[in-house]
Amino acid sequence: MKKYEKQYENSGNPRTVPDCLNENDLPFILTVEDDGQGIPEWVDFRNTDSLGLQLVNIFVEQIEGSIELIRDSGTKFNIHFSRLKNGKLG
């Protein structure tokens, strides 16, 4: 069973919550990928000046999900999140 770390944004400094979530806790995955040049290894996508990546991180925080970046033959983001509870994600 694969484990995922839950990520939160805190005053511009991302931190990892110590508890790990397993794939049963986050049953939905949104995948966005392309086959372009990819994001260089030195780029920290959680702490960047790129407006697009900032918006992605804010979205993941709002839905209380986790995000995974795969740099293989382009760029692939997997956003893991859970179902709606009382009209809200999480």
PDB file of N, CA and C in Angstrom:
ATOM      1  N   MET A   1       0.848  -1.172   0.000  1.00  0.00           N
ATOM      2  CA  MET A   1       0.000   0.000   0.000  1.00  0.00           C
ATOM      3  C   MET A   1       0.895   1.237   0.000  1.00  0.00           C
ATOM      4  N   LYS A   2       0.658   2.133  -0.954  1.00  0.00           N
ATOM      5  CA  LYS A   2       1.448   3.347  -1.087  1.00  0.00           C
ATOM      6  C   LYS A   2       0.991   4.378  -0.055  1.00  0.00           C
ATOM      7  N   LYS A   3       1.923   5.102   0.550  1.00  0.00           N
ATOM      8  CA  LYS A   3       1.577   6.141   1.518  1.00  0.00           C
ATOM      9  C   LYS A   3       1.836   7.512   0.922  1.00  0.00           C
ATOM     10  N   TYR A   4       1.034   8.482   1.311  1.00  0.00           N
ATOM     11  CA  TYR A   4       1.163   9.850   0.838  1.00  0.00           C
ATOM     12  C   TYR A   4       1.293  10.774   2.030  1.00  0.00           C
ATOM     13  N   GLU A   5       2.165  11.769   1.917  1.00  0.00           N
ATOM     14  CA  GLU A   5       2.283  12.760   2.968  1.00  0.00           C
ATOM     15  C   GLU A   5       1.334  13.897   2.656  1.00  0.00           C
ATOM     16  N   LYS A   6       0.607  14.340   3.667  1.00  0.00           N
ATOM     17  CA  LYS A   6      -0.335  15.423   3.486  1.00  0.00           C
ATOM     18  C   LYS A   6       0.425  16.745   3.570  1.00  0.00           C
ATOM     19  N   GLN A   7       0.237  17.598   2.596  1.00  0.00           N
ATOM     20  CA  GLN A   7       0.962  18.857   2.504  1.00  0.00           C
ATOM     21  C   GLN A   7       0.031  20.022   2.836  1.00  0.00           C
ATOM     22  N   TYR A   8       0.550  20.997   3.566  1.00  0.00           N
ATOM     23  CA  TYR A   8      -0.169  22.224   3.849  1.00  0.00           C
ATOM     24  C   TYR A   8       0.738  23.401   3.599  1.00  0.00           C
ATOM     25  N   GLU A   9       0.164  24.518   3.235  1.00  0.00           N
ATOM     26  CA  GLU A   9       0.908  25.763   3.029  1.00  0.00           C
ATOM     27  C   GLU A   9       0.731  26.588   4.300  1.00  0.00           C
ATOM     28  N   ASN A  10       1.829  27.153   4.801  1.00  0.00           N
ATOM     29  CA  ASN A  10       1.771  27.940   6.023  1.00  0.00           C
ATOM     30  C   ASN A  10       2.638  29.172   5.836  1.00  0.00           C
ATOM     31  N   SER A  11       2.020  30.316   5.595  1.00  0.00           N
ATOM     32  CA  SER A  11       2.721  31.584   5.410  1.00  0.00           C
ATOM     33  C   SER A  11       3.796  31.491   4.342  1.00  0.00           C
ATOM     34  N   GLY A  12       3.502  30.818   3.248  1.00  0.00           N
ATOM     35  CA  GLY A  12       4.460  30.711   2.166  1.00  0.00           C
ATOM     36  C   GLY A  12       5.510  29.636   2.353  1.00  0.00           C
ATOM     37  N   ASN A  13       5.548  28.992   3.516  1.00  0.00           N
ATOM     38  CA  ASN A  13       6.521  27.925   3.770  1.00  0.00           C
ATOM     39  C   ASN A  13       5.795  26.604   3.904  1.00  0.00           C
ATOM     40  N   PRO A  14       5.929  25.723   2.902  1.00  0.00           N
ATOM     41  CA  PRO A  14       5.219  24.450   2.998  1.00  0.00           C
ATOM     42  C   PRO A  14       5.798  23.582   4.109  1.00  0.00           C
ATOM     43  N   ARG A  15       4.945  22.812   4.725  1.00  0.00           N
ATOM     44  CA  ARG A  15       5.417  21.875   5.747  1.00  0.00           C
ATOM     45  C   ARG A  15       4.664  20.574   5.562  1.00  0.00           C
ATOM     46  N   THR A  16       5.259  19.516   6.015  1.00  0.00           N
ATOM     47  CA  THR A  16       4.627  18.213   5.918  1.00  0.00           C
ATOM     48  C   THR A  16       4.071  17.841   7.278  1.00  0.00           C
ATOM     49  N   VAL A  17       2.802  17.505   7.309  1.00  0.00           N
ATOM     50  CA  VAL A  17       2.197  17.027   8.544  1.00  0.00           C
ATOM     51  C   VAL A  17       2.747  15.637   8.802  1.00  0.00           C
ATOM     52  N   PRO A  18       3.182  15.329  10.048  1.00  0.00           N
ATOM     53  CA  PRO A  18       3.860  14.066  10.309  1.00  0.00           C
ATOM     54  C   PRO A  18       3.079  12.813   9.955  1.00  0.00           C
ATOM     55  N   ASP A  19       1.744  12.816  10.127  1.00  0.00           N
ATOM     56  CA  ASP A  19       1.020  11.596   9.824  1.00  0.00           C
ATOM     57  C   ASP A  19       0.976  11.386   8.315  1.00  0.00           C
ATOM     58  N   CYS A  20       1.144  10.162   7.937  1.00  0.00           N
ATOM     59  CA  CYS A  20       1.044   9.808   6.520  1.00  0.00           C
ATOM     60  C   CYS A  20      -0.342   9.263   6.255  1.00  0.00           C
ATOM     61  N   LEU A  21      -0.853   9.577   5.106  1.00  0.00           N
ATOM     62  CA  LEU A  21      -2.148   9.069   4.703  1.00  0.00           C
ATOM     63  C   LEU A  21      -1.931   7.963   3.698  1.00  0.00           C
ATOM     64  N   ASN A  22      -2.773   6.953   3.737  1.00  0.00           N
ATOM     65  CA  ASN A  22      -2.630   5.918   2.715  1.00  0.00           C
ATOM     66  C   ASN A  22      -3.636   6.157   1.603  1.00  0.00           C
ATOM     67  N   GLU A  23      -3.523   5.385   0.549  1.00  0.00           N
ATOM     68  CA  GLU A  23      -4.360   5.615  -0.620  1.00  0.00           C
ATOM     69  C   GLU A  23      -5.845   5.448  -0.330  1.00  0.00           C
ATOM     70  N   ASN A  24      -6.215   4.736   0.727  1.00  0.00           N
ATOM     71  CA  ASN A  24      -7.624   4.597   1.094  1.00  0.00           C
ATOM     72  C   ASN A  24      -8.176   5.876   1.703  1.00  0.00           C
ATOM     73  N   ASP A  25      -7.287   6.695   2.328  1.00  0.00           N
ATOM     74  CA  ASP A  25      -7.710   7.969   2.903  1.00  0.00           C
ATOM     75  C   ASP A  25      -7.933   9.019   1.820  1.00  0.00           C
ATOM     76  N   LEU A  26      -7.256   8.891   0.695  1.00  0.00           N
ATOM     77  CA  LEU A  26      -7.351   9.835  -0.416  1.00  0.00           C
ATOM     78  C   LEU A  26      -7.720   9.060  -1.679  1.00  0.00           C
ATOM     79  N   PRO A  27      -9.005   8.675  -1.810  1.00  0.00           N
ATOM     80  CA  PRO A  27      -9.390   7.754  -2.880  1.00  0.00           C
ATOM     81  C   PRO A  27      -9.460   8.360  -4.278  1.00  0.00           C
ATOM     82  N   PHE A  28      -9.436   9.691  -4.406  1.00  0.00           N
ATOM     83  CA  PHE A  28      -9.547  10.311  -5.722  1.00  0.00           C
ATOM     84  C   PHE A  28      -8.213  10.900  -6.145  1.00  0.00           C
ATOM     85  N   ILE A  29      -7.924  10.797  -7.431  1.00  0.00           N
ATOM     86  CA  ILE A  29      -6.681  11.342  -7.975  1.00  0.00           C
ATOM     87  C   ILE A  29      -7.006  12.161  -9.224  1.00  0.00           C
ATOM     88  N   LEU A  30      -6.543  13.402  -9.224  1.00  0.00           N
ATOM     89  CA  LEU A  30      -6.612  14.256 -10.404  1.00  0.00           C
ATOM     90  C   LEU A  30      -5.204  14.291 -10.984  1.00  0.00           C
ATOM     91  N   THR A  31      -5.038  13.863 -12.221  1.00  0.00           N
ATOM     92  CA  THR A  31      -3.729  13.826 -12.858  1.00  0.00           C
ATOM     93  C   THR A  31      -3.700  14.820 -14.012  1.00  0.00           C
ATOM     94  N   VAL A  32      -2.654  15.642 -14.026  1.00  0.00           N
ATOM     95  CA  VAL A  32      -2.415  16.586 -15.112  1.00  0.00           C
ATOM     96  C   VAL A  32      -0.991  16.347 -15.573  1.00  0.00           C
ATOM     97  N   GLU A  33      -0.814  16.111 -16.877  1.00  0.00           N
ATOM     98  CA  GLU A  33       0.531  15.826 -17.359  1.00  0.00           C
ATOM     99  C   GLU A  33       0.730  16.337 -18.776  1.00  0.00           C
ATOM    100  N   ASP A  34       2.012  16.504 -19.123  1.00  0.00           N
ATOM    101  CA  ASP A  34       2.367  16.823 -20.496  1.00  0.00           C
ATOM    102  C   ASP A  34       3.673  16.120 -20.834  1.00  0.00           C
ATOM    103  N   ASP A  35       4.033  16.167 -22.098  1.00  0.00           N
ATOM    104  CA  ASP A  35       5.255  15.486 -22.521  1.00  0.00           C
ATOM    105  C   ASP A  35       6.316  16.489 -22.983  1.00  0.00           C
ATOM    106  N   GLY A  36       6.280  17.689 -22.383  1.00  0.00           N
ATOM    107  CA  GLY A  36       7.232  18.740 -22.747  1.00  0.00           C
ATOM    108  C   GLY A  36       8.578  18.556 -22.068  1.00  0.00           C
ATOM    109  N   GLN A  37       9.305  19.669 -21.910  1.00  0.00           N
ATOM    110  CA  GLN A  37      10.635  19.656 -21.309  1.00  0.00           C
ATOM    111  C   GLN A  37      10.627  19.198 -19.858  1.00  0.00           C
ATOM    112  N   GLY A  38       9.560  19.470 -19.149  1.00  0.00           N
ATOM    113  CA  GLY A  38       9.487  19.103 -17.750  1.00  0.00           C
ATOM    114  C   GLY A  38       9.996  20.211 -16.845  1.00  0.00           C
ATOM    115  N   ILE A  39       9.770  20.060 -15.572  1.00  0.00           N
ATOM    116  CA  ILE A  39      10.225  21.022 -14.573  1.00  0.00           C
ATOM    117  C   ILE A  39      11.599  20.567 -14.093  1.00  0.00           C
ATOM    118  N   PRO A  40      12.606  21.443 -14.154  1.00  0.00           N
ATOM    119  CA  PRO A  40      13.953  21.052 -13.722  1.00  0.00           C
ATOM    120  C   PRO A  40      13.987  20.591 -12.266  1.00  0.00           C
ATOM    121  N   GLU A  41      14.925  19.702 -11.959  1.00  0.00           N
ATOM    122  CA  GLU A  41      15.068  19.152 -10.600  1.00  0.00           C
ATOM    123  C   GLU A  41      15.269  20.244  -9.549  1.00  0.00           C
ATOM    124  N   TRP A  42      15.920  21.339  -9.926  1.00  0.00           N
ATOM    125  CA  TRP A  42      16.241  22.383  -8.950  1.00  0.00           C
ATOM    126  C   TRP A  42      15.043  23.257  -8.606  1.00  0.00           C
ATOM    127  N   VAL A  43      13.936  23.144  -9.328  1.00  0.00           N
ATOM    128  CA  VAL A  43      12.745  23.956  -9.057  1.00  0.00           C
ATOM    129  C   VAL A  43      11.930  23.305  -7.948  1.00  0.00           C
ATOM    130  N   ASP A  44      11.666  24.083  -6.891  1.00  0.00           N
ATOM    131  CA  ASP A  44      10.802  23.632  -5.798  1.00  0.00           C
ATOM    132  C   ASP A  44       9.389  24.105  -6.120  1.00  0.00           C
ATOM    133  N   PHE A  45       8.555  23.220  -6.641  1.00  0.00           N
ATOM    134  CA  PHE A  45       7.229  23.623  -7.106  1.00  0.00           C
ATOM    135  C   PHE A  45       6.307  24.054  -5.978  1.00  0.00           C
ATOM    136  N   ARG A  46       6.644  23.751  -4.730  1.00  0.00           N
ATOM    137  CA  ARG A  46       5.823  24.177  -3.588  1.00  0.00           C
ATOM    138  C   ARG A  46       6.186  25.576  -3.112  1.00  0.00           C
ATOM    139  N   ASN A  47       7.327  26.080  -3.554  1.00  0.00           N
ATOM    140  CA  ASN A  47       7.782  27.397  -3.139  1.00  0.00           C
ATOM    141  C   ASN A  47       8.408  28.080  -4.354  1.00  0.00           C
ATOM    142  N   THR A  48       7.561  28.732  -5.156  1.00  0.00           N
ATOM    143  CA  THR A  48       8.015  29.280  -6.426  1.00  0.00           C
ATOM    144  C   THR A  48       7.359  30.629  -6.703  1.00  0.00           C
ATOM    145  N   ASP A  49       7.948  31.381  -7.603  1.00  0.00           N
ATOM    146  CA  ASP A  49       7.368  32.650  -8.030  1.00  0.00           C
ATOM    147  C   ASP A  49       6.333  32.460  -9.140  1.00  0.00           C
ATOM    148  N   SER A  50       6.213  31.261  -9.660  1.00  0.00           N
ATOM    149  CA  SER A  50       5.277  30.975 -10.739  1.00  0.00           C
ATOM    150  C   SER A  50       3.833  31.062 -10.229  1.00  0.00           C
ATOM    151  N   LEU A  51       3.057  31.974 -10.815  1.00  0.00           N
ATOM    152  CA  LEU A  51       1.665  32.141 -10.399  1.00  0.00           C
ATOM    153  C   LEU A  51       0.874  30.850 -10.599  1.00  0.00           C
ATOM    154  N   GLY A  52       1.099  30.165 -11.719  1.00  0.00           N
ATOM    155  CA  GLY A  52       0.377  28.926 -11.981  1.00  0.00           C
ATOM    156  C   GLY A  52       0.615  27.874 -10.908  1.00  0.00           C
ATOM    157  N   LEU A  53       1.882  27.668 -10.521  1.00  0.00           N
ATOM    158  CA  LEU A  53       2.190  26.677  -9.489  1.00  0.00           C
ATOM    159  C   LEU A  53       1.695  27.125  -8.120  1.00  0.00           C
ATOM    160  N   GLN A  54       1.700  28.445  -7.851  1.00  0.00           N
ATOM    161  CA  GLN A  54       1.141  28.941  -6.598  1.00  0.00           C
ATOM    162  C   GLN A  54      -0.347  28.631  -6.521  1.00  0.00           C
ATOM    163  N   LEU A  55      -1.059  28.823  -7.647  1.00  0.00           N
ATOM    164  CA  LEU A  55      -2.500  28.527  -7.677  1.00  0.00           C
ATOM    165  C   LEU A  55      -2.770  27.040  -7.470  1.00  0.00           C
ATOM    166  N   VAL A  56      -1.946  26.192  -8.068  1.00  0.00           N
ATOM    167  CA  VAL A  56      -2.101  24.744  -7.879  1.00  0.00           C
ATOM    168  C   VAL A  56      -1.926  24.396  -6.405  1.00  0.00           C
ATOM    169  N   ASN A  57      -0.904  24.946  -5.750  1.00  0.00           N
ATOM    170  CA  ASN A  57      -0.656  24.652  -4.340  1.00  0.00           C
ATOM    171  C   ASN A  57      -1.775  25.177  -3.444  1.00  0.00           C
ATOM    172  N   ILE A  58      -2.320  26.339  -3.769  1.00  0.00           N
ATOM    173  CA  ILE A  58      -3.460  26.871  -3.006  1.00  0.00           C
ATOM    174  C   ILE A  58      -4.662  25.961  -3.160  1.00  0.00           C
ATOM    175  N   PHE A  59      -4.922  25.492  -4.379  1.00  0.00           N
ATOM    176  CA  PHE A  59      -6.033  24.566  -4.636  1.00  0.00           C
ATOM    177  C   PHE A  59      -5.882  23.294  -3.799  1.00  0.00           C
ATOM    178  N   VAL A  60      -4.694  22.715  -3.805  1.00  0.00           N
ATOM    179  CA  VAL A  60      -4.446  21.478  -3.056  1.00  0.00           C
ATOM    180  C   VAL A  60      -4.658  21.710  -1.563  1.00  0.00           C
ATOM    181  N   GLU A  61      -4.215  22.863  -1.071  1.00  0.00           N
ATOM    182  CA  GLU A  61      -4.412  23.194   0.340  1.00  0.00           C
ATOM    183  C   GLU A  61      -5.893  23.321   0.663  1.00  0.00           C
ATOM    184  N   GLN A  62      -6.643  23.995  -0.201  1.00  0.00           N
ATOM    185  CA  GLN A  62      -8.068  24.211   0.049  1.00  0.00           C
ATOM    186  C   GLN A  62      -8.860  22.918   0.074  1.00  0.00           C
ATOM    187  N   ILE A  63      -8.490  21.954  -0.734  1.00  0.00           N
ATOM    188  CA  ILE A  63      -9.232  20.683  -0.741  1.00  0.00           C
ATOM    189  C   ILE A  63      -8.629  19.674   0.234  1.00  0.00           C
ATOM    190  N   GLU A  64      -7.632  20.120   1.008  1.00  0.00           N
ATOM    191  CA  GLU A  64      -6.948  19.281   1.994  1.00  0.00           C
ATOM    192  C   GLU A  64      -6.431  18.003   1.348  1.00  0.00           C
ATOM    193  N   GLY A  65      -5.805  18.180   0.207  1.00  0.00           N
ATOM    194  CA  GLY A  65      -5.251  17.048  -0.524  1.00  0.00           C
ATOM    195  C   GLY A  65      -3.748  17.001  -0.411  1.00  0.00           C
ATOM    196  N   SER A  66      -3.155  16.174  -1.232  1.00  0.00           N
ATOM    197  CA  SER A  66      -1.696  16.110  -1.325  1.00  0.00           C
ATOM    198  C   SER A  66      -1.338  16.135  -2.805  1.00  0.00           C
ATOM    199  N   ILE A  67      -0.130  16.573  -3.088  1.00  0.00           N
ATOM    200  CA  ILE A  67       0.303  16.690  -4.472  1.00  0.00           C
ATOM    201  C   ILE A  67       1.616  15.963  -4.650  1.00  0.00           C
ATOM    202  N   GLU A  68       1.741  15.337  -5.785  1.00  0.00           N
ATOM    203  CA  GLU A  68       2.932  14.560  -6.115  1.00  0.00           C
ATOM    204  C   GLU A  68       3.385  15.004  -7.502  1.00  0.00           C
ATOM    205  N   LEU A  69       4.665  15.303  -7.643  1.00  0.00           N
ATOM    206  CA  LEU A  69       5.238  15.685  -8.927  1.00  0.00           C
ATOM    207  C   LEU A  69       6.116  14.556  -9.429  1.00  0.00           C
ATOM    208  N   ILE A  70       5.874  14.130 -10.658  1.00  0.00           N
ATOM    209  CA  ILE A  70       6.694  13.095 -11.280  1.00  0.00           C
ATOM    210  C   ILE A  70       7.371  13.727 -12.486  1.00  0.00           C
ATOM    211  N   ARG A  71       8.703  13.727 -12.456  1.00  0.00           N
ATOM    212  CA  ARG A  71       9.492  14.316 -13.546  1.00  0.00           C
ATOM    213  C   ARG A  71      10.028  13.186 -14.408  1.00  0.00           C
ATOM    214  N   ASP A  72       9.209  12.681 -15.307  1.00  0.00           N
ATOM    215  CA  ASP A  72       9.594  11.556 -16.146  1.00  0.00           C
ATOM    216  C   ASP A  72       8.966  11.753 -17.517  1.00  0.00           C
ATOM    217  N   SER A  73       9.774  12.021 -18.522  1.00  0.00           N
ATOM    218  CA  SER A  73       9.271  12.262 -19.883  1.00  0.00           C
ATOM    219  C   SER A  73       8.240  13.381 -19.901  1.00  0.00           C
ATOM    220  N   GLY A  74       8.559  14.498 -19.272  1.00  0.00           N
ATOM    221  CA  GLY A  74       7.645  15.632 -19.170  1.00  0.00           C
ATOM    222  C   GLY A  74       7.349  15.923 -17.723  1.00  0.00           C
ATOM    223  N   THR A  75       6.167  16.406 -17.457  1.00  0.00           N
ATOM    224  CA  THR A  75       5.744  16.751 -16.098  1.00  0.00           C
ATOM    225  C   THR A  75       4.409  16.090 -15.823  1.00  0.00           C
ATOM    226  N   LYS A  76       4.286  15.508 -14.644  1.00  0.00           N
ATOM    227  CA  LYS A  76       3.025  14.891 -14.241  1.00  0.00           C
ATOM    228  C   LYS A  76       2.753  15.258 -12.792  1.00  0.00           C
ATOM    229  N   PHE A  77       1.582  15.842 -12.550  1.00  0.00           N
ATOM    230  CA  PHE A  77       1.127  16.137 -11.193  1.00  0.00           C
ATOM    231  C   PHE A  77      -0.023  15.194 -10.857  1.00  0.00           C
ATOM    232  N   ASN A  78       0.062  14.526  -9.719  1.00  0.00           N
ATOM    233  CA  ASN A  78      -1.051  13.745  -9.175  1.00  0.00           C
ATOM    234  C   ASN A  78      -1.527  14.467  -7.927  1.00  0.00           C
ATOM    235  N   ILE A  79      -2.800  14.846  -7.916  1.00  0.00           N
ATOM    236  CA  ILE A  79      -3.395  15.485  -6.747  1.00  0.00           C
ATOM    237  C   ILE A  79      -4.352  14.484  -6.129  1.00  0.00           C
ATOM    238  N   HIS A  80      -4.067  14.091  -4.903  1.00  0.00           N
ATOM    239  CA  HIS A  80      -4.862  13.095  -4.184  1.00  0.00           C
ATOM    240  C   HIS A  80      -5.789  13.834  -3.217  1.00  0.00           C
ATOM    241  N   PHE A  81      -7.060  13.436  -3.191  1.00  0.00           N
ATOM    242  CA  PHE A  81      -8.006  14.087  -2.295  1.00  0.00           C
ATOM    243  C   PHE A  81      -9.134  13.123  -1.948  1.00  0.00           C
ATOM    244  N   SER A  82      -9.904  13.486  -0.927  1.00  0.00           N
ATOM    245  CA  SER A  82     -10.991  12.616  -0.477  1.00  0.00           C
ATOM    246  C   SER A  82     -12.339  13.166  -0.930  1.00  0.00           C
ATOM    247  N   ARG A  83     -13.368  12.428  -0.655  1.00  0.00           N
ATOM    248  CA  ARG A  83     -14.716  12.781  -1.111  1.00  0.00           C
ATOM    249  C   ARG A  83     -15.297  13.941  -0.305  1.00  0.00           C
ATOM    250  N   LEU A  84     -16.427  14.443  -0.752  1.00  0.00           N
ATOM    251  CA  LEU A  84     -17.109  15.537  -0.083  1.00  0.00           C
ATOM    252  C   LEU A  84     -17.687  15.088   1.247  1.00  0.00           C
ATOM    253  N   LYS A  85     -17.522  15.932   2.251  1.00  0.00           N
ATOM    254  CA  LYS A  85     -18.155  15.712   3.554  1.00  0.00           C
ATOM    255  C   LYS A  85     -18.892  16.992   3.924  1.00  0.00           C
ATOM    256  N   ASN A  86     -20.187  16.914   4.155  1.00  0.00           N
ATOM    257  CA  ASN A  86     -21.003  18.082   4.499  1.00  0.00           C
ATOM    258  C   ASN A  86     -20.838  19.208   3.492  1.00  0.00           C
ATOM    259  N   GLY A  87     -20.812  18.865   2.216  1.00  0.00           N
ATOM    260  CA  GLY A  87     -20.719  19.870   1.181  1.00  0.00           C
ATOM    261  C   GLY A  87     -19.351  20.423   0.933  1.00  0.00           C
ATOM    262  N   LYS A  88     -18.336  19.918   1.627  1.00  0.00           N
ATOM    263  CA  LYS A  88     -16.975  20.407   1.451  1.00  0.00           C
ATOM    264  C   LYS A  88     -16.051  19.240   1.169  1.00  0.00           C
ATOM    265  N   LEU A  89     -14.973  19.518   0.462  1.00  0.00           N
ATOM    266  CA  LEU A  89     -13.963  18.482   0.250  1.00  0.00           C
ATOM    267  C   LEU A  89     -13.220  18.254   1.558  1.00  0.00           C
ATOM    268  N   GLY A  90     -12.732  17.048   1.735  1.00  0.00           N
ATOM    269  CA  GLY A  90     -11.896  16.763   2.907  1.00  0.00           C
ATOM    270  C   GLY A  90     -12.476  15.742   3.797  1.00  0.00           C
TER     271      GLY A  90
END
